[in-house]
Amino acid sequence: MLNGKQRAGLRRLANTTPPIFQIGKGGISDNLVSQVDGALETRELVKIAILRTAQLDTRETCDELARRTGAEPVQAIGKRFVLYRESAENKRINLNNLP
């Protein structure tokens, strides 16, 4: 579980990161879950955009994808959200030394 300082540091890191996934009308599919899972293992911090055509709530979609991937929701604003999960093999982000 992330504390406020860690969450704020992850939000700062994610601010300049472009979204690497887009969720459309199809919603959250098993294929999307496996791709996000792989990206979290590689990058640890992932930003995802929800397309305007998708009738999905950002917070609900963020929470559902976080639950299915074992990640922590960092931020959900507008049609974008950020997920974090510590990598087992590719640890890049040290939560104790965030800016």
PDB file of N, CA and C in Angstrom:
ATOM      1  N   MET A   1       0.833  -1.178   0.000  1.00  0.00           N
ATOM      2  CA  MET A   1       0.000   0.000   0.000  1.00  0.00           C
ATOM      3  C   MET A   1       0.885   1.251   0.000  1.00  0.00           C
ATOM      4  N   LEU A   2       0.550   2.191  -0.869  1.00  0.00           N
ATOM      5  CA  LEU A   2       1.339   3.410  -1.001  1.00  0.00           C
ATOM      6  C   LEU A   2       0.885   4.456   0.012  1.00  0.00           C
ATOM      7  N   ASN A   3       1.854   5.186   0.572  1.00  0.00           N
ATOM      8  CA  ASN A   3       1.474   6.304   1.429  1.00  0.00           C
ATOM      9  C   ASN A   3       1.389   7.569   0.567  1.00  0.00           C
ATOM     10  N   GLY A   4       0.979   8.680   1.157  1.00  0.00           N
ATOM     11  CA  GLY A   4       0.758   9.917   0.412  1.00  0.00           C
ATOM     12  C   GLY A   4       2.009  10.453  -0.266  1.00  0.00           C
ATOM     13  N   LYS A   5       3.145  10.381   0.419  1.00  0.00           N
ATOM     14  CA  LYS A   5       4.394  10.895  -0.139  1.00  0.00           C
ATOM     15  C   LYS A   5       4.831  10.049  -1.340  1.00  0.00           C
ATOM     16  N   GLN A   6       4.699   8.749  -1.231  1.00  0.00           N
ATOM     17  CA  GLN A   6       5.063   7.867  -2.343  1.00  0.00           C
ATOM     18  C   GLN A   6       4.134   8.093  -3.538  1.00  0.00           C
ATOM     19  N   ARG A   7       2.847   8.230  -3.261  1.00  0.00           N
ATOM     20  CA  ARG A   7       1.869   8.468  -4.327  1.00  0.00           C
ATOM     21  C   ARG A   7       2.169   9.790  -5.042  1.00  0.00           C
ATOM     22  N   ALA A   8       2.515  10.827  -4.277  1.00  0.00           N
ATOM     23  CA  ALA A   8       2.844  12.128  -4.865  1.00  0.00           C
ATOM     24  C   ALA A   8       4.099  12.030  -5.740  1.00  0.00           C
ATOM     25  N   GLY A   9       5.095  11.284  -5.285  1.00  0.00           N
ATOM     26  CA  GLY A   9       6.312  11.098  -6.081  1.00  0.00           C
ATOM     27  C   GLY A   9       6.030  10.341  -7.366  1.00  0.00           C
ATOM     28  N   LEU A  10       5.186   9.333  -7.302  1.00  0.00           N
ATOM     29  CA  LEU A  10       4.820   8.579  -8.510  1.00  0.00           C
ATOM     30  C   LEU A  10       4.005   9.446  -9.471  1.00  0.00           C
ATOM     31  N   ARG A  11       3.159  10.322  -8.941  1.00  0.00           N
ATOM     32  CA  ARG A  11       2.402  11.237  -9.798  1.00  0.00           C
ATOM     33  C   ARG A  11       3.350  12.173 -10.533  1.00  0.00           C
ATOM     34  N   ARG A  12       4.398  12.646  -9.845  1.00  0.00           N
ATOM     35  CA  ARG A  12       5.396  13.512 -10.497  1.00  0.00           C
ATOM     36  C   ARG A  12       6.103  12.767 -11.623  1.00  0.00           C
ATOM     37  N   LEU A  13       6.462  11.513 -11.388  1.00  0.00           N
ATOM     38  CA  LEU A  13       7.114  10.720 -12.434  1.00  0.00           C
ATOM     39  C   LEU A  13       6.183  10.482 -13.619  1.00  0.00           C
ATOM     40  N   ALA A  14       4.924  10.255 -13.347  1.00  0.00           N
ATOM     41  CA  ALA A  14       3.961   9.943 -14.402  1.00  0.00           C
ATOM     42  C   ALA A  14       3.532  11.178 -15.188  1.00  0.00           C
ATOM     43  N   ASN A  15       3.780  12.362 -14.644  1.00  0.00           N
ATOM     44  CA  ASN A  15       3.318  13.591 -15.279  1.00  0.00           C
ATOM     45  C   ASN A  15       3.842  13.745 -16.708  1.00  0.00           C
ATOM     46  N   THR A  16       5.080  13.400 -16.942  1.00  0.00           N
ATOM     47  CA  THR A  16       5.676  13.567 -18.272  1.00  0.00           C
ATOM     48  C   THR A  16       5.605  12.298 -19.116  1.00  0.00           C
ATOM     49  N   THR A  17       5.056  11.234 -18.561  1.00  0.00           N
ATOM     50  CA  THR A  17       4.962   9.958 -19.273  1.00  0.00           C
ATOM     51  C   THR A  17       3.718   9.936 -20.148  1.00  0.00           C
ATOM     52  N   PRO A  18       3.854   9.597 -21.429  1.00  0.00           N
ATOM     53  CA  PRO A  18       2.651   9.487 -22.269  1.00  0.00           C
ATOM     54  C   PRO A  18       1.908   8.182 -21.978  1.00  0.00           C
ATOM     55  N   PRO A  19       0.601   8.141 -22.238  1.00  0.00           N
ATOM     56  CA  PRO A  19      -0.146   6.894 -22.055  1.00  0.00           C
ATOM     57  C   PRO A  19       0.351   5.834 -23.042  1.00  0.00           C
ATOM     58  N   ILE A  20       0.533   4.609 -22.582  1.00  0.00           N
ATOM     59  CA  ILE A  20       0.997   3.554 -23.490  1.00  0.00           C
ATOM     60  C   ILE A  20      -0.114   2.593 -23.877  1.00  0.00           C
ATOM     61  N   PHE A  21      -1.286   2.730 -23.232  1.00  0.00           N
ATOM     62  CA  PHE A  21      -2.441   1.910 -23.592  1.00  0.00           C
ATOM     63  C   PHE A  21      -3.658   2.812 -23.716  1.00  0.00           C
ATOM     64  N   GLN A  22      -4.588   2.392 -24.597  1.00  0.00           N
ATOM     65  CA  GLN A  22      -5.864   3.079 -24.734  1.00  0.00           C
ATOM     66  C   GLN A  22      -6.977   2.053 -24.584  1.00  0.00           C
ATOM     67  N   ILE A  23      -7.996   2.417 -23.837  1.00  0.00           N
ATOM     68  CA  ILE A  23      -9.139   1.536 -23.651  1.00  0.00           C
ATOM     69  C   ILE A  23     -10.302   2.124 -24.436  1.00  0.00           C
ATOM     70  N   GLY A  24     -10.871   1.322 -25.316  1.00  0.00           N
ATOM     71  CA  GLY A  24     -11.971   1.781 -26.154  1.00  0.00           C
ATOM     72  C   GLY A  24     -13.295   1.171 -25.749  1.00  0.00           C
ATOM     73  N   LYS A  25     -14.194   1.072 -26.735  1.00  0.00           N
ATOM     74  CA  LYS A  25     -15.546   0.551 -26.491  1.00  0.00           C
ATOM     75  C   LYS A  25     -15.541  -0.864 -25.935  1.00  0.00           C
ATOM     76  N   GLY A  26     -14.521  -1.646 -26.269  1.00  0.00           N
ATOM     77  CA  GLY A  26     -14.450  -3.034 -25.817  1.00  0.00           C
ATOM     78  C   GLY A  26     -14.226  -3.187 -24.330  1.00  0.00           C
ATOM     79  N   GLY A  27     -13.788  -2.112 -23.669  1.00  0.00           N
ATOM     80  CA  GLY A  27     -13.553  -2.179 -22.228  1.00  0.00           C
ATOM     81  C   GLY A  27     -12.300  -2.959 -21.879  1.00  0.00           C
ATOM     82  N   ILE A  28     -12.315  -3.574 -20.717  1.00  0.00           N
ATOM     83  CA  ILE A  28     -11.154  -4.313 -20.220  1.00  0.00           C
ATOM     84  C   ILE A  28     -11.271  -5.769 -20.662  1.00  0.00           C
ATOM     85  N   SER A  29     -10.417  -6.158 -21.603  1.00  0.00           N
ATOM     86  CA  SER A  29     -10.401  -7.538 -22.088  1.00  0.00           C
ATOM     87  C   SER A  29      -9.261  -8.298 -21.412  1.00  0.00           C
ATOM     88  N   ASP A  30      -9.290  -9.611 -21.532  1.00  0.00           N
ATOM     89  CA  ASP A  30      -8.209 -10.433 -20.971  1.00  0.00           C
ATOM     90  C   ASP A  30      -6.880 -10.104 -21.635  1.00  0.00           C
ATOM     91  N   ASN A  31      -6.909  -9.790 -22.935  1.00  0.00           N
ATOM     92  CA  ASN A  31      -5.697  -9.429 -23.663  1.00  0.00           C
ATOM     93  C   ASN A  31      -5.102  -8.130 -23.111  1.00  0.00           C
ATOM     94  N   LEU A  32      -5.948  -7.141 -22.843  1.00  0.00           N
ATOM     95  CA  LEU A  32      -5.484  -5.877 -22.274  1.00  0.00           C
ATOM     96  C   LEU A  32      -4.862  -6.113 -20.903  1.00  0.00           C
ATOM     97  N   VAL A  33      -5.509  -6.934 -20.092  1.00  0.00           N
ATOM     98  CA  VAL A  33      -4.995  -7.224 -18.746  1.00  0.00           C
ATOM     99  C   VAL A  33      -3.603  -7.851 -18.833  1.00  0.00           C
ATOM    100  N   SER A  34      -3.403  -8.792 -19.743  1.00  0.00           N
ATOM    101  CA  SER A  34      -2.088  -9.442 -19.869  1.00  0.00           C
ATOM    102  C   SER A  34      -1.040  -8.469 -20.397  1.00  0.00           C
ATOM    103  N   GLN A  35      -1.415  -7.566 -21.303  1.00  0.00           N
ATOM    104  CA  GLN A  35      -0.457  -6.585 -21.809  1.00  0.00           C
ATOM    105  C   GLN A  35      -0.062  -5.580 -20.729  1.00  0.00           C
ATOM    106  N   VAL A  36      -1.033  -5.109 -19.961  1.00  0.00           N
ATOM    107  CA  VAL A  36      -0.751  -4.174 -18.872  1.00  0.00           C
ATOM    108  C   VAL A  36       0.094  -4.862 -17.811  1.00  0.00           C
ATOM    109  N   ASP A  37      -0.188  -6.129 -17.539  1.00  0.00           N
ATOM    110  CA  ASP A  37       0.592  -6.904 -16.576  1.00  0.00           C
ATOM    111  C   ASP A  37       2.064  -6.969 -17.000  1.00  0.00           C
ATOM    112  N   GLY A  38       2.301  -7.237 -18.277  1.00  0.00           N
ATOM    113  CA  GLY A  38       3.672  -7.283 -18.792  1.00  0.00           C
ATOM    114  C   GLY A  38       4.351  -5.924 -18.741  1.00  0.00           C
ATOM    115  N   ALA A  39       3.605  -4.862 -19.056  1.00  0.00           N
ATOM    116  CA  ALA A  39       4.174  -3.514 -19.010  1.00  0.00           C
ATOM    117  C   ALA A  39       4.510  -3.108 -17.578  1.00  0.00           C
ATOM    118  N   LEU A  40       3.674  -3.490 -16.622  1.00  0.00           N
ATOM    119  CA  LEU A  40       3.961  -3.193 -15.221  1.00  0.00           C
ATOM    120  C   LEU A  40       5.222  -3.915 -14.758  1.00  0.00           C
ATOM    121  N   GLU A  41       5.434  -5.127 -15.226  1.00  0.00           N
ATOM    122  CA  GLU A  41       6.645  -5.871 -14.857  1.00  0.00           C
ATOM    123  C   GLU A  41       7.886  -5.198 -15.442  1.00  0.00           C
ATOM    124  N   THR A  42       7.756  -4.637 -16.627  1.00  0.00           N
ATOM    125  CA  THR A  42       8.890  -3.995 -17.286  1.00  0.00           C
ATOM    126  C   THR A  42       9.127  -2.576 -16.784  1.00  0.00           C
ATOM    127  N   ARG A  43       8.051  -1.774 -16.665  1.00  0.00           N
ATOM    128  CA  ARG A  43       8.183  -0.347 -16.383  1.00  0.00           C
ATOM    129  C   ARG A  43       7.851   0.045 -14.949  1.00  0.00           C
ATOM    130  N   GLU A  44       7.055  -0.708 -14.275  1.00  0.00           N
ATOM    131  CA  GLU A  44       6.546  -0.456 -12.926  1.00  0.00           C
ATOM    132  C   GLU A  44       5.480   0.643 -12.860  1.00  0.00           C
ATOM    133  N   LEU A  45       5.556   1.646 -13.710  1.00  0.00           N
ATOM    134  CA  LEU A  45       4.603   2.755 -13.704  1.00  0.00           C
ATOM    135  C   LEU A  45       4.006   2.877 -15.103  1.00  0.00           C
ATOM    136  N   VAL A  46       2.677   2.788 -15.202  1.00  0.00           N
ATOM    137  CA  VAL A  46       2.007   2.769 -16.500  1.00  0.00           C
ATOM    138  C   VAL A  46       0.862   3.773 -16.494  1.00  0.00           C
ATOM    139  N   LYS A  47       0.802   4.590 -17.563  1.00  0.00           N
ATOM    140  CA  LYS A  47      -0.319   5.517 -17.736  1.00  0.00           C
ATOM    141  C   LYS A  47      -1.221   4.973 -18.838  1.00  0.00           C
ATOM    142  N   ILE A  48      -2.523   5.021 -18.602  1.00  0.00           N
ATOM    143  CA  ILE A  48      -3.512   4.470 -19.530  1.00  0.00           C
ATOM    144  C   ILE A  48      -4.577   5.523 -19.807  1.00  0.00           C
ATOM    145  N   ALA A  49      -4.976   5.622 -21.074  1.00  0.00           N
ATOM    146  CA  ALA A  49      -6.014   6.574 -21.483  1.00  0.00           C
ATOM    147  C   ALA A  49      -7.287   5.824 -21.852  1.00  0.00           C
ATOM    148  N   ILE A  50      -8.419   6.422 -21.537  1.00  0.00           N
ATOM    149  CA  ILE A  50      -9.713   5.885 -21.942  1.00  0.00           C
ATOM    150  C   ILE A  50     -10.226   6.775 -23.075  1.00  0.00           C
ATOM    151  N   LEU A  51     -10.553   6.166 -24.212  1.00  0.00           N
ATOM    152  CA  LEU A  51     -11.021   6.937 -25.356  1.00  0.00           C
ATOM    153  C   LEU A  51     -12.391   7.547 -25.079  1.00  0.00           C
ATOM    154  N   ARG A  52     -12.691   8.640 -25.756  1.00  0.00           N
ATOM    155  CA  ARG A  52     -13.971   9.326 -25.555  1.00  0.00           C
ATOM    156  C   ARG A  52     -15.161   8.454 -25.947  1.00  0.00           C
ATOM    157  N   THR A  53     -14.950   7.550 -26.902  1.00  0.00           N
ATOM    158  CA  THR A  53     -16.051   6.692 -27.361  1.00  0.00           C
ATOM    159  C   THR A  53     -16.427   5.629 -26.338  1.00  0.00           C
ATOM    160  N   ALA A  54     -15.542   5.350 -25.420  1.00  0.00           N
ATOM    161  CA  ALA A  54     -15.811   4.350 -24.382  1.00  0.00           C
ATOM    162  C   ALA A  54     -16.657   4.983 -23.283  1.00  0.00           C
ATOM    163  N   GLN A  55     -17.725   4.350 -22.943  1.00  0.00           N
ATOM    164  CA  GLN A  55     -18.615   4.856 -21.888  1.00  0.00           C
ATOM    165  C   GLN A  55     -18.211   4.253 -20.548  1.00  0.00           C
ATOM    166  N   LEU A  56     -16.959   4.494 -20.165  1.00  0.00           N
ATOM    167  CA  LEU A  56     -16.421   3.924 -18.934  1.00  0.00           C
ATOM    168  C   LEU A  56     -16.087   5.028 -17.944  1.00  0.00           C
ATOM    169  N   ASP A  57     -16.305   4.753 -16.664  1.00  0.00           N
ATOM    170  CA  ASP A  57     -15.904   5.661 -15.608  1.00  0.00           C
ATOM    171  C   ASP A  57     -14.414   5.447 -15.328  1.00  0.00           C
ATOM    172  N   THR A  58     -13.667   6.522 -15.262  1.00  0.00           N
ATOM    173  CA  THR A  58     -12.210   6.427 -15.101  1.00  0.00           C
ATOM    174  C   THR A  58     -11.824   5.737 -13.796  1.00  0.00           C
ATOM    175  N   ARG A  59     -12.419   6.135 -12.686  1.00  0.00           N
ATOM    176  CA  ARG A  59     -12.058   5.566 -11.383  1.00  0.00           C
ATOM    177  C   ARG A  59     -12.412   4.082 -11.315  1.00  0.00           C
ATOM    178  N   GLU A  60     -13.592   3.713 -11.800  1.00  0.00           N
ATOM    179  CA  GLU A  60     -13.996   2.305 -11.779  1.00  0.00           C
ATOM    180  C   GLU A  60     -13.087   1.456 -12.667  1.00  0.00           C
ATOM    181  N   THR A  61     -12.741   1.985 -13.840  1.00  0.00           N
ATOM    182  CA  THR A  61     -11.861   1.256 -14.751  1.00  0.00           C
ATOM    183  C   THR A  61     -10.476   1.104 -14.145  1.00  0.00           C
ATOM    184  N   CYS A  62      -9.975   2.167 -13.530  1.00  0.00           N
ATOM    185  CA  CYS A  62      -8.669   2.124 -12.866  1.00  0.00           C
ATOM    186  C   CYS A  62      -8.659   1.073 -11.758  1.00  0.00           C
ATOM    187  N   ASP A  63      -9.677   1.087 -10.916  1.00  0.00           N
ATOM    188  CA  ASP A  63      -9.746   0.138  -9.803  1.00  0.00           C
ATOM    189  C   ASP A  63      -9.862  -1.308 -10.294  1.00  0.00           C
ATOM    190  N   GLU A  64     -10.660  -1.520 -11.339  1.00  0.00           N
ATOM    191  CA  GLU A  64     -10.832  -2.875 -11.883  1.00  0.00           C
ATOM    192  C   GLU A  64      -9.534  -3.405 -12.487  1.00  0.00           C
ATOM    193  N   LEU A  65      -8.849  -2.571 -13.274  1.00  0.00           N
ATOM    194  CA  LEU A  65      -7.590  -3.002 -13.886  1.00  0.00           C
ATOM    195  C   LEU A  65      -6.511  -3.211 -12.822  1.00  0.00           C
ATOM    196  N   ALA A  66      -6.505  -2.372 -11.802  1.00  0.00           N
ATOM    197  CA  ALA A  66      -5.547  -2.538 -10.696  1.00  0.00           C
ATOM    198  C   ALA A  66      -5.805  -3.856  -9.976  1.00  0.00           C
ATOM    199  N   ARG A  67      -7.058  -4.169  -9.743  1.00  0.00           N
ATOM    200  CA  ARG A  67      -7.404  -5.427  -9.063  1.00  0.00           C
ATOM    201  C   ARG A  67      -6.969  -6.628  -9.891  1.00  0.00           C
ATOM    202  N   ARG A  68      -7.211  -6.572 -11.196  1.00  0.00           N
ATOM    203  CA  ARG A  68      -6.906  -7.719 -12.053  1.00  0.00           C
ATOM    204  C   ARG A  68      -5.417  -7.897 -12.319  1.00  0.00           C
ATOM    205  N   THR A  69      -4.617  -6.834 -12.135  1.00  0.00           N
ATOM    206  CA  THR A  69      -3.171  -6.945 -12.364  1.00  0.00           C
ATOM    207  C   THR A  69      -2.377  -6.962 -11.064  1.00  0.00           C
ATOM    208  N   GLY A  70      -3.022  -6.740  -9.940  1.00  0.00           N
ATOM    209  CA  GLY A  70      -2.316  -6.696  -8.666  1.00  0.00           C
ATOM    210  C   GLY A  70      -1.523  -5.414  -8.486  1.00  0.00           C
ATOM    211  N   ALA A  71      -1.961  -4.340  -9.140  1.00  0.00           N
ATOM    212  CA  ALA A  71      -1.255  -3.059  -9.084  1.00  0.00           C
ATOM    213  C   ALA A  71      -1.936  -2.113  -8.098  1.00  0.00           C
ATOM    214  N   GLU A  72      -1.270  -0.988  -7.851  1.00  0.00           N
ATOM    215  CA  GLU A  72      -1.813   0.062  -6.989  1.00  0.00           C
ATOM    216  C   GLU A  72      -2.262   1.223  -7.869  1.00  0.00           C
ATOM    217  N   PRO A  73      -3.490   1.708  -7.707  1.00  0.00           N
ATOM    218  CA  PRO A  73      -3.886   2.912  -8.429  1.00  0.00           C
ATOM    219  C   PRO A  73      -3.152   4.117  -7.845  1.00  0.00           C
ATOM    220  N   VAL A  74      -2.557   4.922  -8.716  1.00  0.00           N
ATOM    221  CA  VAL A  74      -1.811   6.094  -8.266  1.00  0.00           C
ATOM    222  C   VAL A  74      -2.653   7.348  -8.442  1.00  0.00           C
ATOM    223  N   GLN A  75      -3.284   7.470  -9.621  1.00  0.00           N
ATOM    224  CA  GLN A  75      -4.015   8.682  -9.928  1.00  0.00           C
ATOM    225  C   GLN A  75      -5.047   8.391 -11.011  1.00  0.00           C
ATOM    226  N   ALA A  76      -6.191   9.046 -10.941  1.00  0.00           N
ATOM    227  CA  ALA A  76      -7.218   8.951 -11.980  1.00  0.00           C
ATOM    228  C   ALA A  76      -7.801  10.346 -12.174  1.00  0.00           C
ATOM    229  N   ILE A  77      -7.471  10.957 -13.306  1.00  0.00           N
ATOM    230  CA  ILE A  77      -7.948  12.306 -13.608  1.00  0.00           C
ATOM    231  C   ILE A  77      -8.443  12.340 -15.040  1.00  0.00           C
ATOM    232  N   GLY A  78      -9.614  12.898 -15.240  1.00  0.00           N
ATOM    233  CA  GLY A  78     -10.168  13.007 -16.587  1.00  0.00           C
ATOM    234  C   GLY A  78     -10.376  11.629 -17.187  1.00  0.00           C
ATOM    235  N   LYS A  79      -9.761  11.389 -18.316  1.00  0.00           N
ATOM    236  CA  LYS A  79      -9.864  10.100 -18.999  1.00  0.00           C
ATOM    237  C   LYS A  79      -8.539   9.339 -18.953  1.00  0.00           C
ATOM    238  N   ARG A  80      -7.682   9.672 -17.996  1.00  0.00           N
ATOM    239  CA  ARG A  80      -6.393   8.991 -17.849  1.00  0.00           C
ATOM    240  C   ARG A  80      -6.195   8.542 -16.413  1.00  0.00           C
ATOM    241  N   PHE A  81      -5.457   7.442 -16.280  1.00  0.00           N
ATOM    242  CA  PHE A  81      -5.116   6.979 -14.940  1.00  0.00           C
ATOM    243  C   PHE A  81      -3.753   6.314 -14.954  1.00  0.00           C
ATOM    244  N   VAL A  82      -3.170   6.211 -13.767  1.00  0.00           N
ATOM    245  CA  VAL A  82      -1.806   5.690 -13.603  1.00  0.00           C
ATOM    246  C   VAL A  82      -1.840   4.532 -12.615  1.00  0.00           C
ATOM    247  N   LEU A  83      -1.124   3.456 -12.971  1.00  0.00           N
ATOM    248  CA  LEU A  83      -1.000   2.282 -12.108  1.00  0.00           C
ATOM    249  C   LEU A  83       0.472   2.051 -11.781  1.00  0.00           C
ATOM    250  N   TYR A  84       0.729   1.519 -10.583  1.00  0.00           N
ATOM    251  CA  TYR A  84       2.091   1.172 -10.167  1.00  0.00           C
ATOM    252  C   TYR A  84       2.102  -0.230  -9.573  1.00  0.00           C
ATOM    253  N   ARG A  85       3.117  -0.980  -9.926  1.00  0.00           N
ATOM    254  CA  ARG A  85       3.364  -2.272  -9.281  1.00  0.00           C
ATOM    255  C   ARG A  85       4.863  -2.512  -9.292  1.00  0.00           C
ATOM    256  N   GLU A  86       5.408  -2.839  -8.145  1.00  0.00           N
ATOM    257  CA  GLU A  86       6.840  -3.104  -8.044  1.00  0.00           C
ATOM    258  C   GLU A  86       7.180  -4.346  -8.857  1.00  0.00           C
ATOM    259  N   SER A  87       8.236  -4.246  -9.638  1.00  0.00           N
ATOM    260  CA  SER A  87       8.671  -5.347 -10.492  1.00  0.00           C
ATOM    261  C   SER A  87       9.511  -6.333  -9.689  1.00  0.00           C
ATOM    262  N   ALA A  88       9.350  -7.589 -10.002  1.00  0.00           N
ATOM    263  CA  ALA A  88      10.140  -8.617  -9.321  1.00  0.00           C
ATOM    264  C   ALA A  88      11.570  -8.665  -9.855  1.00  0.00           C
ATOM    265  N   GLU A  89      11.745  -8.456 -11.157  1.00  0.00           N
ATOM    266  CA  GLU A  89      13.060  -8.594 -11.777  1.00  0.00           C
ATOM    267  C   GLU A  89      13.653  -7.299 -12.312  1.00  0.00           C
ATOM    268  N   ASN A  90      12.821  -6.325 -12.647  1.00  0.00           N
ATOM    269  CA  ASN A  90      13.291  -5.085 -13.281  1.00  0.00           C
ATOM    270  C   ASN A  90      13.018  -3.867 -12.407  1.00  0.00           C
ATOM    271  N   LYS A  91      13.425  -3.925 -11.157  1.00  0.00           N
ATOM    272  CA  LYS A  91      13.137  -2.837 -10.228  1.00  0.00           C
ATOM    273  C   LYS A  91      13.848  -1.566 -10.672  1.00  0.00           C
ATOM    274  N   ARG A  92      13.056  -0.520 -10.972  1.00  0.00           N
ATOM    275  CA  ARG A  92      13.593   0.742 -11.439  1.00  0.00           C
ATOM    276  C   ARG A  92      13.283   1.902 -10.485  1.00  0.00           C
ATOM    277  N   ILE A  93      12.153   1.832  -9.821  1.00  0.00           N
ATOM    278  CA  ILE A  93      11.693   2.947  -9.001  1.00  0.00           C
ATOM    279  C   ILE A  93      11.881   2.601  -7.527  1.00  0.00           C
ATOM    280  N   ASN A  94      12.626   3.455  -6.840  1.00  0.00           N
ATOM    281  CA  ASN A  94      12.822   3.300  -5.398  1.00  0.00           C
ATOM    282  C   ASN A  94      11.839   4.231  -4.705  1.00  0.00           C
ATOM    283  N   LEU A  95      10.828   3.673  -4.063  1.00  0.00           N
ATOM    284  CA  LEU A  95       9.777   4.478  -3.432  1.00  0.00           C
ATOM    285  C   LEU A  95      10.293   5.373  -2.310  1.00  0.00           C
ATOM    286  N   ASN A  96      11.424   5.045  -1.732  1.00  0.00           N
ATOM    287  CA  ASN A  96      11.962   5.838  -0.626  1.00  0.00           C
ATOM    288  C   ASN A  96      12.768   7.039  -1.112  1.00  0.00           C
ATOM    289  N   ASN A  97      13.158   7.064  -2.381  1.00  0.00           N
ATOM    290  CA  ASN A  97      13.978   8.164  -2.911  1.00  0.00           C
ATOM    291  C   ASN A  97      13.300   8.875  -4.066  1.00  0.00           C
ATOM    292  N   LEU A  98      11.988   9.011  -4.013  1.00  0.00           N
ATOM    293  CA  LEU A  98      11.255   9.704  -5.079  1.00  0.00           C
ATOM    294  C   LEU A  98      11.450  11.205  -4.944  1.00  0.00           C
ATOM    295  N   PRO A  99      11.416  11.918  -6.075  1.00  0.00           N
ATOM    296  CA  PRO A  99      11.590  13.392  -6.027  1.00  0.00           C
ATOM    297  C   PRO A  99      10.453  14.075  -5.301  1.00  0.00           C
TER     298      PRO A  99
END
